[in-house]
Protein backbone atom coordinates (compact mmCIF):
# COMPACT_ATOMS: atom_id res chain seq x y z
CA MET A 1 0.01 -0.01 0.04
CA THR A 2 1.32 3.46 -0.92
CA SER A 3 -0.09 6.90 -0.17
CA ARG A 4 -2.73 8.62 -2.20
CA TYR A 5 -1.99 10.45 -5.39
CA ARG A 6 -2.03 14.22 -4.74
CA VAL A 7 -3.78 15.78 -7.69
CA ALA A 8 -4.47 19.44 -8.69
CA CYS A 9 -7.16 19.95 -11.28
CA LEU A 10 -7.18 23.23 -13.06
CA VAL A 11 -10.48 24.22 -14.67
CA SER A 12 -12.00 27.53 -15.83
CA HIS A 13 -14.88 27.82 -13.30
CA PRO A 14 -17.26 25.72 -11.37
CA ILE A 15 -19.38 23.70 -13.83
CA GLN A 16 -22.64 21.83 -13.11
CA TYR A 17 -21.41 18.91 -14.97
CA GLN A 18 -18.07 18.63 -13.22
CA ALA A 19 -19.04 19.15 -9.62
CA PRO A 20 -20.58 15.76 -9.07
CA MET A 21 -17.52 14.11 -10.78
CA PHE A 22 -15.12 15.84 -8.28
CA ARG A 23 -17.34 14.73 -5.48
CA TYR A 24 -17.05 11.15 -6.74
CA LEU A 25 -13.27 11.45 -7.12
CA THR A 26 -12.84 13.01 -3.75
CA ALA A 27 -14.38 9.89 -2.20
CA LEU A 28 -12.01 7.59 -3.82
CA PRO A 29 -9.45 6.16 -1.55
CA GLY A 30 -6.49 6.50 -3.94
CA ILE A 31 -6.93 10.31 -4.84
CA ASP A 32 -6.25 13.48 -2.80
CA LEU A 33 -7.96 15.99 -5.13
CA THR A 34 -7.69 19.84 -5.12
CA VAL A 35 -9.67 21.72 -7.81
CA LEU A 36 -8.36 25.15 -8.67
CA PHE A 37 -10.61 27.65 -10.49
CA LEU A 38 -9.69 30.54 -12.61
CA SER A 39 -13.18 32.29 -12.39
CA ASP A 40 -16.06 32.37 -9.92
CA LEU A 41 -18.58 33.67 -12.31
CA SER A 42 -20.94 30.64 -12.25
CA ILE A 43 -21.51 30.49 -8.31
CA ARG A 44 -23.70 33.54 -8.47
CA GLU A 45 -26.43 34.85 -10.74
CA TYR A 46 -24.92 35.78 -14.10
CA HIS A 47 -25.82 36.50 -17.66
CA ASP A 48 -25.10 33.64 -19.87
CA PRO A 49 -24.72 35.11 -23.55
CA GLY A 50 -25.52 31.75 -25.08
CA PHE A 51 -28.87 31.31 -23.28
CA GLY A 52 -29.49 35.03 -23.39
CA VAL A 53 -30.81 35.27 -19.97
CA SER A 54 -29.57 35.74 -16.33
CA PHE A 55 -29.70 32.86 -13.89
CA LYS A 56 -28.06 30.94 -11.13
CA TRP A 57 -27.62 27.21 -11.25
CA ASP A 58 -29.91 25.38 -8.84
CA VAL A 59 -27.49 22.46 -8.10
CA PRO A 60 -24.53 22.79 -5.73
CA LEU A 61 -21.27 23.62 -7.43
CA LEU A 62 -18.75 23.79 -4.57
CA GLU A 63 -19.93 21.17 -2.08
CA GLY A 64 -18.26 17.71 -1.34
CA TYR A 65 -14.73 18.43 -2.63
CA ARG A 66 -11.78 20.80 -2.01
CA GLY A 67 -11.90 23.85 -4.30
CA GLU A 68 -10.06 27.04 -4.48
CA PHE A 69 -10.18 30.28 -6.62
CA LEU A 70 -6.83 31.43 -7.82
CA PRO A 71 -6.10 35.09 -7.26
CA ALA A 72 -6.43 37.20 -10.26
CA LEU A 73 -5.83 40.74 -11.46
CA GLY A 74 -9.04 42.60 -12.16
CA ALA A 75 -12.50 41.16 -12.31
CA ARG A 76 -13.14 37.36 -12.65
CA ASP A 77 -16.64 37.64 -14.12
CA SER A 78 -15.82 36.69 -17.68
CA LEU A 79 -13.88 34.12 -19.56
CA SER A 80 -11.57 34.45 -22.64
CA PHE A 81 -8.04 33.51 -23.38
CA TRP A 82 -6.64 36.40 -21.43
CA ARG A 83 -9.41 36.81 -18.67
CA PRO A 84 -9.27 36.51 -15.89
CA PHE A 85 -5.46 36.91 -15.50
CA THR A 86 -4.65 34.66 -12.60
CA TYR A 87 -1.32 34.64 -10.85
CA ALA A 88 0.49 32.59 -8.14
CA ILE A 89 -0.18 29.33 -10.11
CA ARG A 90 3.47 28.20 -9.68
CA ARG A 91 3.44 28.97 -6.06
CA ARG A 92 0.35 27.11 -5.41
CA LEU A 93 1.48 24.10 -7.14
CA ALA A 94 4.75 24.15 -5.21
CA ALA A 95 3.07 24.48 -1.89
CA GLY A 96 0.78 21.44 -2.57
CA CYS A 97 3.45 18.97 -3.14
CA PHE A 98 1.18 17.55 -5.99
CA ASP A 99 2.09 14.37 -7.90
CA ALA A 100 0.14 15.51 -10.92
CA LEU A 101 -1.58 18.60 -12.46
CA TRP A 102 -4.68 17.68 -14.34
CA ILE A 103 -5.77 20.47 -16.74
CA HIS A 104 -9.00 20.74 -18.75
CA GLY A 105 -8.32 21.97 -22.22
CA TYR A 106 -5.53 24.46 -23.24
CA ALA A 107 -7.61 27.44 -24.54
CA HIS A 108 -6.64 29.79 -21.68
CA GLN A 109 -3.25 31.31 -21.08
CA ALA A 110 -3.36 30.15 -17.40
CA MET A 111 -3.42 26.42 -18.55
CA LEU A 112 -0.34 27.08 -20.72
CA ARG A 113 1.42 28.76 -17.83
CA ALA A 114 0.31 26.04 -15.37
CA ILE A 115 1.99 23.23 -17.79
CA ALA A 116 5.19 25.13 -17.85
CA ALA A 117 5.11 25.65 -13.95
CA ALA A 118 4.29 22.01 -13.30
CA ARG A 119 7.16 20.75 -15.54
CA SER A 120 9.64 23.09 -13.74
CA LEU A 121 8.60 21.67 -10.52
CA GLY A 122 8.77 18.04 -11.55
CA ILE A 123 4.79 17.57 -11.52
CA LYS A 124 3.43 15.24 -14.02
CA VAL A 125 0.76 16.84 -16.29
CA LEU A 126 -2.47 15.13 -17.47
CA MET A 127 -4.74 16.70 -20.08
CA ARG A 128 -8.44 16.25 -20.66
CA GLY A 129 -10.45 18.13 -23.19
CA GLU A 130 -13.24 18.04 -25.81
CA SER A 131 -11.39 18.66 -28.93
CA HIS A 132 -11.91 16.50 -32.11
CA LEU A 133 -11.06 17.00 -35.62
CA GLY A 134 -14.54 17.95 -36.63
CA SER A 135 -14.68 20.75 -34.15
CA GLU A 136 -11.57 22.49 -35.45
CA SER A 137 -11.55 25.96 -36.90
CA ARG A 138 -12.20 26.26 -40.70
CA SER A 139 -9.65 28.98 -40.99
CA PRO A 140 -6.65 27.78 -43.08
CA LEU A 141 -4.37 30.01 -41.05
CA THR A 142 -5.64 28.63 -37.70
CA ARG A 143 -5.12 25.02 -38.94
CA VAL A 144 -1.55 25.74 -40.00
CA ILE A 145 -0.70 27.27 -36.63
CA LYS A 146 -2.17 24.41 -34.77
CA ARG A 147 -0.41 21.78 -36.89
CA ARG A 148 2.82 23.45 -35.99
CA LEU A 149 2.35 24.31 -32.33
CA LEU A 150 0.00 21.56 -30.87
CA PRO A 151 2.46 18.72 -31.43
CA ARG A 152 5.08 20.74 -29.42
CA LEU A 153 2.54 21.41 -26.67
CA PHE A 154 1.39 17.79 -26.55
CA GLU A 155 5.00 16.53 -26.16
CA ARG A 156 4.93 18.39 -22.82
CA ILE A 157 1.90 16.33 -21.54
CA ASP A 158 2.59 13.08 -19.68
CA ALA A 159 -0.92 11.48 -20.28
CA PHE A 160 -4.10 12.29 -21.99
CA LEU A 161 -7.45 11.50 -20.63
CA THR A 162 -9.68 10.81 -23.56
CA ILE A 163 -13.53 11.42 -23.31
CA GLY A 164 -14.43 9.35 -26.38
CA ALA A 165 -13.56 7.97 -29.89
CA ARG A 166 -13.22 11.40 -31.64
CA ASN A 167 -11.26 12.83 -28.87
CA ARG A 168 -8.69 9.88 -29.14
CA GLU A 169 -8.63 10.38 -32.87
CA TYR A 170 -7.76 14.01 -32.39
CA TYR A 171 -4.78 13.40 -30.28
CA LEU A 172 -3.53 10.54 -32.58
CA ALA A 173 -3.74 12.93 -35.54
CA TYR A 174 -1.53 15.38 -33.70
CA GLY A 175 1.17 12.57 -33.12
CA VAL A 176 0.23 11.54 -29.39
CA PRO A 177 1.20 7.95 -28.84
CA ALA A 178 -1.56 5.57 -28.07
CA ALA A 179 0.38 4.51 -24.82
CA LYS A 180 -0.12 7.97 -23.41
CA MET A 181 -3.87 7.92 -23.74
CA PHE A 182 -6.19 6.62 -20.98
CA ALA A 183 -9.97 6.34 -21.39
CA MET A 184 -11.83 8.77 -18.93
CA PRO A 185 -15.23 8.74 -20.57
CA TYR A 186 -17.49 11.93 -20.59
CA ALA A 187 -20.28 11.30 -18.02
CA VAL A 188 -22.92 13.12 -16.01
CA ASP A 189 -24.38 12.40 -12.61
CA THR A 190 -26.00 9.19 -13.55
CA GLU A 191 -27.78 8.74 -10.32
CA PHE A 192 -29.33 12.31 -10.43
CA PHE A 193 -30.88 11.92 -13.88
CA ARG A 194 -32.07 8.36 -13.43
CA ALA A 195 -33.65 9.03 -10.02
CA GLY A 196 -35.07 12.21 -11.22
CA ALA A 197 -36.75 10.66 -14.21
CA GLU A 198 -37.98 7.82 -12.20
CA ALA A 199 -39.50 10.20 -9.57
CA ALA A 200 -41.17 12.22 -12.41
CA ARG A 201 -42.84 9.15 -14.00
CA PRO A 202 -45.91 9.12 -11.89
CA GLY A 203 -46.62 12.73 -12.68
CA ARG A 204 -45.86 12.38 -16.40
CA GLU A 205 -49.54 12.75 -17.57
CA HIS A 206 -50.04 15.74 -15.18
CA LEU A 207 -47.02 17.51 -16.88
CA ARG A 208 -48.44 16.67 -20.26
CA SER A 209 -51.77 18.23 -19.29
CA GLU A 210 -49.94 21.17 -17.68
CA LEU A 211 -48.24 21.80 -21.07
CA ASN A 212 -51.60 21.40 -22.99
CA LEU A 213 -50.39 18.33 -24.78
CA ALA A 214 -52.87 15.85 -26.09
CA PRO A 215 -52.76 12.31 -24.70
CA GLY A 216 -50.93 9.69 -26.81
CA ARG A 217 -49.30 12.03 -29.26
CA PRO A 218 -45.48 11.59 -29.45
CA ILE A 219 -43.20 14.19 -28.03
CA VAL A 220 -39.88 15.29 -29.48
CA LEU A 221 -37.56 17.16 -27.26
CA PHE A 222 -34.82 19.73 -27.75
CA ALA A 223 -32.90 21.11 -24.83
CA SER A 224 -30.01 23.54 -25.44
CA LYS A 225 -29.07 27.08 -26.18
CA LEU A 226 -30.99 28.63 -29.17
CA GLN A 227 -27.92 29.60 -31.16
CA GLN A 228 -27.26 29.17 -34.86
CA ARG A 229 -24.64 26.40 -34.28
CA LYS A 230 -27.33 24.41 -32.40
CA ARG A 231 -29.45 24.24 -35.73
CA ALA A 232 -32.79 24.14 -33.92
CA ARG A 233 -34.34 25.49 -37.14
CA ASP A 234 -33.53 22.10 -38.84
CA LEU A 235 -35.52 20.34 -36.23
CA ILE A 236 -38.46 22.63 -36.78
CA GLU A 237 -38.24 22.14 -40.51
CA ALA A 238 -38.05 18.45 -40.07
CA CYS A 239 -41.15 18.24 -38.00
CA ALA A 240 -42.96 20.20 -40.82
CA ALA A 241 -41.67 17.47 -43.35
CA ILE A 242 -43.13 14.72 -41.46
CA GLU A 243 -45.94 13.20 -43.53
CA SER A 244 -47.77 11.11 -40.87
CA LEU A 245 -50.55 13.16 -39.04
CA PRO A 246 -50.93 14.35 -36.36
CA ARG A 247 -47.24 15.37 -36.21
CA PRO A 248 -45.33 14.77 -32.90
CA TYR A 249 -45.23 17.69 -30.47
CA LEU A 250 -41.89 19.45 -30.51
CA LEU A 251 -40.85 21.00 -27.20
CA MET A 252 -38.04 23.50 -27.35
CA VAL A 253 -36.28 24.07 -24.03
CA GLY A 254 -33.77 26.77 -23.78
CA ASP A 255 -33.30 30.49 -24.78
CA GLY A 256 -30.97 32.50 -26.83
CA GLU A 257 -30.43 34.85 -29.76
CA GLU A 258 -32.33 32.58 -32.21
CA ARG A 259 -35.59 32.40 -30.28
CA SER A 260 -37.53 35.17 -32.13
CA ALA A 261 -36.50 33.93 -35.60
CA LEU A 262 -37.33 30.31 -34.65
CA GLN A 263 -40.75 31.44 -33.40
CA ALA A 264 -41.41 33.42 -36.49
CA ARG A 265 -40.51 30.35 -38.70
CA THR A 266 -42.80 28.18 -36.66
CA ARG A 267 -45.60 30.54 -37.36
CA ALA A 268 -44.77 30.62 -41.09
CA LEU A 269 -44.88 26.90 -41.23
CA GLY A 270 -48.17 26.79 -39.51
CA LEU A 271 -46.82 24.78 -36.44
CA ASP A 272 -47.99 26.94 -33.75
CA GLU A 273 -50.04 24.21 -32.23
CA THR A 274 -47.17 21.68 -32.52
CA VAL A 275 -44.15 23.53 -31.42
CA ARG A 276 -43.84 24.81 -27.84
CA PHE A 277 -41.07 27.22 -26.67
CA LEU A 278 -40.63 26.60 -22.94
CA GLY A 279 -37.74 28.87 -22.32
CA PHE A 280 -34.70 28.24 -20.09
CA ARG A 281 -35.12 25.41 -17.55
CA ASN A 282 -32.60 24.91 -14.75
CA GLN A 283 -30.85 21.75 -14.04
CA THR A 284 -33.39 20.29 -11.45
CA GLU A 285 -36.28 20.80 -13.85
CA LEU A 286 -34.83 18.78 -16.71
CA PRO A 287 -35.44 15.12 -15.58
CA ARG A 288 -39.21 15.73 -15.66
CA LEU A 289 -39.02 16.87 -19.32
CA TYR A 290 -36.65 14.07 -20.33
CA ASP A 291 -39.14 11.48 -18.80
CA LEU A 292 -42.00 13.20 -20.76
CA CYS A 293 -40.54 12.94 -24.13
CA ASP A 294 -40.47 10.04 -26.60
CA VAL A 295 -37.16 11.09 -28.37
CA PHE A 296 -34.49 13.71 -27.93
CA VAL A 297 -32.82 15.49 -30.91
CA LEU A 298 -29.44 17.25 -31.05
CA PRO A 299 -28.99 18.80 -34.41
CA SER A 300 -25.89 20.93 -33.86
CA ASP A 301 -23.21 21.62 -36.50
CA ALA A 302 -20.44 22.16 -33.95
CA GLU A 303 -20.74 20.08 -30.79
CA PRO A 304 -17.49 18.86 -29.04
CA TRP A 305 -19.41 16.25 -27.15
CA GLY A 306 -23.11 16.93 -26.12
CA LEU A 307 -23.50 15.83 -22.47
CA VAL A 308 -27.23 16.47 -22.86
CA LEU A 309 -27.43 13.17 -24.73
CA ASN A 310 -25.90 11.37 -21.62
CA GLU A 311 -28.60 13.08 -19.57
CA VAL A 312 -31.56 12.00 -21.52
CA MET A 313 -30.23 8.47 -22.05
CA ASN A 314 -30.17 8.10 -18.34
CA ALA A 315 -33.76 8.76 -18.48
CA GLY A 316 -34.14 5.72 -20.88
CA LYS A 317 -34.91 7.75 -24.04
CA PRO A 318 -33.76 7.21 -27.68
CA VAL A 319 -31.69 9.89 -29.23
CA ILE A 320 -31.04 11.39 -32.67
CA ALA A 321 -27.99 13.38 -33.34
CA SER A 322 -26.27 14.99 -36.32
CA ASP A 323 -23.01 13.54 -37.42
CA ALA A 324 -21.35 16.72 -36.17
CA VAL A 325 -22.06 15.79 -32.59
CA GLY A 326 -18.87 14.64 -31.00
CA ALA A 327 -20.57 11.90 -28.88
CA ALA A 328 -22.43 10.38 -31.82
CA PRO A 329 -20.00 7.54 -32.49
CA ASP A 330 -19.91 6.54 -28.78
CA LEU A 331 -23.48 7.02 -27.61
CA VAL A 332 -25.76 6.31 -30.61
CA ILE A 333 -25.95 2.88 -32.28
CA GLU A 334 -27.79 3.23 -35.52
CA GLY A 335 -31.21 1.74 -35.25
CA VAL A 336 -30.62 0.44 -31.82
CA ASN A 337 -31.00 3.37 -29.53
CA GLY A 338 -31.37 6.06 -32.10
CA PHE A 339 -30.14 7.54 -35.30
CA VAL A 340 -27.26 9.61 -36.64
CA TYR A 341 -27.84 11.86 -39.74
CA PRO A 342 -25.83 14.18 -41.94
CA VAL A 343 -25.89 17.53 -40.37
CA GLY A 344 -28.23 19.94 -42.15
CA ASP A 345 -30.17 17.03 -43.86
CA ILE A 346 -33.60 17.85 -42.98
CA GLY A 347 -35.17 14.96 -44.98
CA ALA A 348 -33.00 12.50 -43.15
CA LEU A 349 -33.83 13.97 -39.77
CA ALA A 350 -37.63 13.76 -40.63
CA ARG A 351 -37.16 10.17 -41.60
CA ALA A 352 -35.42 9.39 -38.36
CA LEU A 353 -38.07 11.07 -36.35
CA GLU A 354 -40.84 9.09 -38.04
CA ARG A 355 -39.00 5.77 -37.39
CA VAL A 356 -38.60 6.43 -33.70
CA THR A 357 -42.06 7.67 -33.04
CA ARG A 358 -43.88 5.12 -35.22
CA SER A 359 -45.17 3.48 -31.88
CA PRO A 360 -44.70 4.03 -28.14
CA GLU A 361 -43.46 0.41 -27.76
CA HIS A 362 -40.73 0.95 -30.39
CA ALA A 363 -39.40 4.09 -28.71
CA ALA A 364 -39.47 2.49 -25.24
CA ALA A 365 -37.49 -0.45 -26.53
CA MET A 366 -34.87 2.03 -28.07
CA GLY A 367 -34.86 3.82 -24.77
CA ALA A 368 -34.03 0.73 -22.88
CA LYS A 369 -31.01 0.22 -25.15
CA SER A 370 -29.94 3.79 -24.30
CA LEU A 371 -29.72 2.97 -20.59
CA GLU A 372 -27.60 -0.05 -21.34
CA ILE A 373 -25.22 2.05 -23.53
CA VAL A 374 -24.81 4.96 -21.39
CA ALA A 375 -24.04 2.85 -18.31
CA ARG A 376 -20.52 2.58 -19.58
CA TYR A 377 -20.10 6.39 -19.48
CA SER A 378 -19.93 6.87 -15.73
CA PHE A 379 -17.88 8.48 -13.04
CA GLU A 380 -16.83 4.94 -12.02
CA ALA A 381 -15.26 4.47 -15.53
CA GLY A 382 -13.66 7.83 -15.38
CA GLY A 383 -12.11 7.25 -11.95
CA ALA A 384 -10.54 4.10 -13.11
CA GLY A 385 -9.10 5.75 -16.26
CA LEU A 386 -7.82 8.66 -14.06
CA LEU A 387 -6.11 6.09 -11.57
CA ALA A 388 -4.49 4.14 -14.38
CA ALA A 389 -3.03 7.33 -15.86
CA LEU A 390 -1.67 8.47 -12.46
CA ALA A 391 -0.11 5.02 -11.93
CA ALA A 392 1.56 5.16 -15.41
CA VAL A 393 3.08 8.62 -14.94
CA THR A 394 4.08 8.30 -11.39
CA GLY A 395 5.36 4.65 -11.65
CA ARG A 396 3.55 3.66 -8.48
CA ALA A 397 0.16 2.27 -7.38
CA ALA A 398 -2.13 4.16 -5.19
CA GLN A 399 -3.65 3.32 -1.78
CA ARG A 400 -6.91 1.24 -2.15
């Protein structure tokens, strides 16, 4: 038996998806985790430009694990490559006697400075991020710069924590050896979403009535920011293209810059009775809507992963995703628990919707498969991958 791995995890700000993972890792006997944040913008009410509304998360973001906010020059209420400008990273790493620094992404100058500081202190560096080849910039200049600089950066990383197939392909394309990669699948709080959907089940018809939805008619759900890259309009157009009547209801959960235009298009297509805009819903409200729907659709043209798919699959629902969604190869098995269609192909999306909603029994069977598939994307699997990476870079086993 040896001592626990002392790990510093550097992330941008407290995130609703990450907090339960940090709580899980803190409870593992082999890891002594300290999370270092660049910004505190998410722990109070703030304006999210993507959603276009001000809100405060209704789930705990800082409980159950050790977290610290690094000092910064000026305000910490926004995030960009330069802001906030944190300092004392090297001093904090040195004081913590850490075995490893785990960074999430490399798109902030503080992450790059932290890598340099860790290497100068003899601390091993682990990287986890969402990048995949399909999410890269279309700018030729940006691509050239990345092709020259990223291999040099990645040479300074001791291990990579891959979230899925496309993320692994990304690192391979930039010359990272497979031996330096360890699977740490992207996951959500499985118990929260499964328990929430199960608790909502007895009130499902009450919610249907509350939303003025006719009994027995299929329900399609979209839940995300109403931005151009999410391509919510494609989903509205696909619902209009469905030939079987009555068409399924479409519930649009979320807000953002595209809402007015989407509502106008809905009216122009004569879908006022079919499409409902429900606005922004906070984290604890989502399991009820996941339980209510028959199928969930994520039509984005730029989606590094799409954790909302993990959420709704934990409610036992089939999913449809565009081929630009990073999670599609991992979470969607064609015709088994859902469908993947070419991004922007409205006809293909309409056909997929018709296939899923042709009968409640068919949708339920596909949803059961979603539960089986997403079970492999858990905090337990992620913890095992992190421990394997730590053992490899430190050359020792952890306390169990």
